[in-house]
Amino acid sequence: MFAPALLLAWLYRTFGFVGLLPGVVGLAATGAAGRRVVRRRGGHYTPAELARLDDPGLVVAAARMLRRDG
């Protein structure tokens, strides 16, 4: 949990502001790659896709399915 903050602190102490920039970009890329967004048009979802959704995603999926079914 504290590893990203420690990594950024170490980069800043070792390389200064120049070292901090790649660390921030790397952490942002890692976070973006780790988070997948499931978007399905028309309200058709597989059970695996529904299992990966978080609470707000489930709300959107349920609304799309209800809209689809009338």
C-alpha atoms as a PDB file:
ATOM      1  CA  MET A   1       0.000   0.000   0.000  1.00  0.00           C
ATOM      2  CA  PHE A   2       2.852   2.370   0.797  1.00  0.00           C
ATOM      3  CA  ALA A   3       5.130   0.993  -1.912  1.00  0.00           C
ATOM      4  CA  PRO A   4       4.165   3.561  -4.590  1.00  0.00           C
ATOM      5  CA  ALA A   5       4.708   6.454  -2.179  1.00  0.00           C
ATOM      6  CA  LEU A   6       8.051   5.029  -1.065  1.00  0.00           C
ATOM      7  CA  LEU A   7       9.090   4.518  -4.689  1.00  0.00           C
ATOM      8  CA  LEU A   8       8.250   8.120  -5.561  1.00  0.00           C
ATOM      9  CA  ALA A   9      10.080   9.404  -2.486  1.00  0.00           C
ATOM     10  CA  TRP A  10      13.166   7.354  -3.370  1.00  0.00           C
ATOM     11  CA  LEU A  11      13.103   8.571  -6.980  1.00  0.00           C
ATOM     12  CA  TYR A  12      12.781  12.173  -5.833  1.00  0.00           C
ATOM     13  CA  ARG A  13      15.626  11.880  -3.323  1.00  0.00           C
ATOM     14  CA  THR A  14      17.911  10.066  -5.739  1.00  0.00           C
ATOM     15  CA  PHE A  15      17.278  11.902  -9.007  1.00  0.00           C
ATOM     16  CA  GLY A  16      15.371  15.016  -7.998  1.00  0.00           C
ATOM     17  CA  PHE A  17      12.405  16.319  -9.927  1.00  0.00           C
ATOM     18  CA  VAL A  18      13.675  14.690 -13.148  1.00  0.00           C
ATOM     19  CA  GLY A  19      13.448  11.241 -11.545  1.00  0.00           C
ATOM     20  CA  LEU A  20       9.996  11.933 -10.162  1.00  0.00           C
ATOM     21  CA  LEU A  21       8.395  12.431 -13.582  1.00  0.00           C
ATOM     22  CA  PRO A  22       9.042   8.911 -14.949  1.00  0.00           C
ATOM     23  CA  GLY A  23       7.896   7.469 -11.632  1.00  0.00           C
ATOM     24  CA  VAL A  24       4.565   9.281 -11.786  1.00  0.00           C
ATOM     25  CA  VAL A  25       4.072   8.355 -15.436  1.00  0.00           C
ATOM     26  CA  GLY A  26       4.953   4.720 -14.713  1.00  0.00           C
ATOM     27  CA  LEU A  27       2.562   4.495 -11.789  1.00  0.00           C
ATOM     28  CA  ALA A  28      -0.225   6.069 -13.840  1.00  0.00           C
ATOM     29  CA  ALA A  29       0.368   3.600 -16.673  1.00  0.00           C
ATOM     30  CA  THR A  30       0.380   0.682 -14.247  1.00  0.00           C
ATOM     31  CA  GLY A  31      -2.892   1.841 -12.700  1.00  0.00           C
ATOM     32  CA  ALA A  32      -4.532   2.314 -16.073  1.00  0.00           C
ATOM     33  CA  ALA A  33      -3.418  -1.114 -17.274  1.00  0.00           C
ATOM     34  CA  GLY A  34      -4.652  -2.745 -14.088  1.00  0.00           C
ATOM     35  CA  ARG A  35      -8.125  -1.367 -14.369  1.00  0.00           C
ATOM     36  CA  ARG A  36     -10.323  -2.690 -17.121  1.00  0.00           C
ATOM     37  CA  VAL A  37     -13.530  -1.019 -18.115  1.00  0.00           C
ATOM     38  CA  VAL A  38     -16.283  -3.229 -19.454  1.00  0.00           C
ATOM     39  CA  ARG A  39     -18.659  -1.453 -21.785  1.00  0.00           C
ATOM     40  CA  ARG A  40     -21.194  -3.350 -23.731  1.00  0.00           C
ATOM     41  CA  ARG A  41     -23.620  -1.766 -26.160  1.00  0.00           C
ATOM     42  CA  GLY A  42     -27.229  -2.826 -26.103  1.00  0.00           C
ATOM     43  CA  GLY A  43     -27.213  -4.266 -22.592  1.00  0.00           C
ATOM     44  CA  HIS A  44     -25.820  -7.721 -23.435  1.00  0.00           C
ATOM     45  CA  TYR A  45     -23.236  -8.937 -20.901  1.00  0.00           C
ATOM     46  CA  THR A  46     -21.538 -12.262 -20.228  1.00  0.00           C
ATOM     47  CA  PRO A  47     -21.506 -13.580 -16.649  1.00  0.00           C
ATOM     48  CA  ALA A  48     -17.723 -13.025 -16.490  1.00  0.00           C
ATOM     49  CA  GLU A  49     -18.133  -9.375 -17.487  1.00  0.00           C
ATOM     50  CA  LEU A  50     -20.793  -8.829 -14.824  1.00  0.00           C
ATOM     51  CA  ALA A  51     -18.552 -10.446 -12.201  1.00  0.00           C
ATOM     52  CA  ARG A  52     -15.756  -7.942 -12.942  1.00  0.00           C
ATOM     53  CA  LEU A  53     -17.944  -4.833 -12.605  1.00  0.00           C
ATOM     54  CA  ASP A  54     -17.829  -2.627  -9.519  1.00  0.00           C
ATOM     55  CA  ASP A  55     -20.940  -1.141  -7.883  1.00  0.00           C
ATOM     56  CA  PRO A  56     -21.349   1.869 -10.234  1.00  0.00           C
ATOM     57  CA  GLY A  57     -20.691  -0.400 -13.208  1.00  0.00           C
ATOM     58  CA  LEU A  58     -23.393  -2.807 -12.066  1.00  0.00           C
ATOM     59  CA  VAL A  59     -25.855   0.064 -11.796  1.00  0.00           C
ATOM     60  CA  VAL A  60     -25.120   1.111 -15.373  1.00  0.00           C
ATOM     61  CA  ALA A  61     -25.338  -2.484 -16.589  1.00  0.00           C
ATOM     62  CA  ALA A  62     -28.678  -3.035 -14.838  1.00  0.00           C
ATOM     63  CA  ALA A  63     -30.053   0.186 -16.330  1.00  0.00           C
ATOM     64  CA  ARG A  64     -28.981  -0.881 -19.820  1.00  0.00           C
ATOM     65  CA  MET A  65     -30.533  -4.335 -19.386  1.00  0.00           C
ATOM     66  CA  LEU A  66     -33.803  -2.840 -18.116  1.00  0.00           C
ATOM     67  CA  ARG A  67     -33.867  -0.404 -21.015  1.00  0.00           C
ATOM     68  CA  ARG A  68     -33.184  -3.277 -23.412  1.00  0.00           C
ATOM     69  CA  ASP A  69     -35.993  -5.440 -21.979  1.00  0.00           C
ATOM     70  CA  GLY A  70     -38.467  -2.591 -21.728  1.00  0.00           C
END
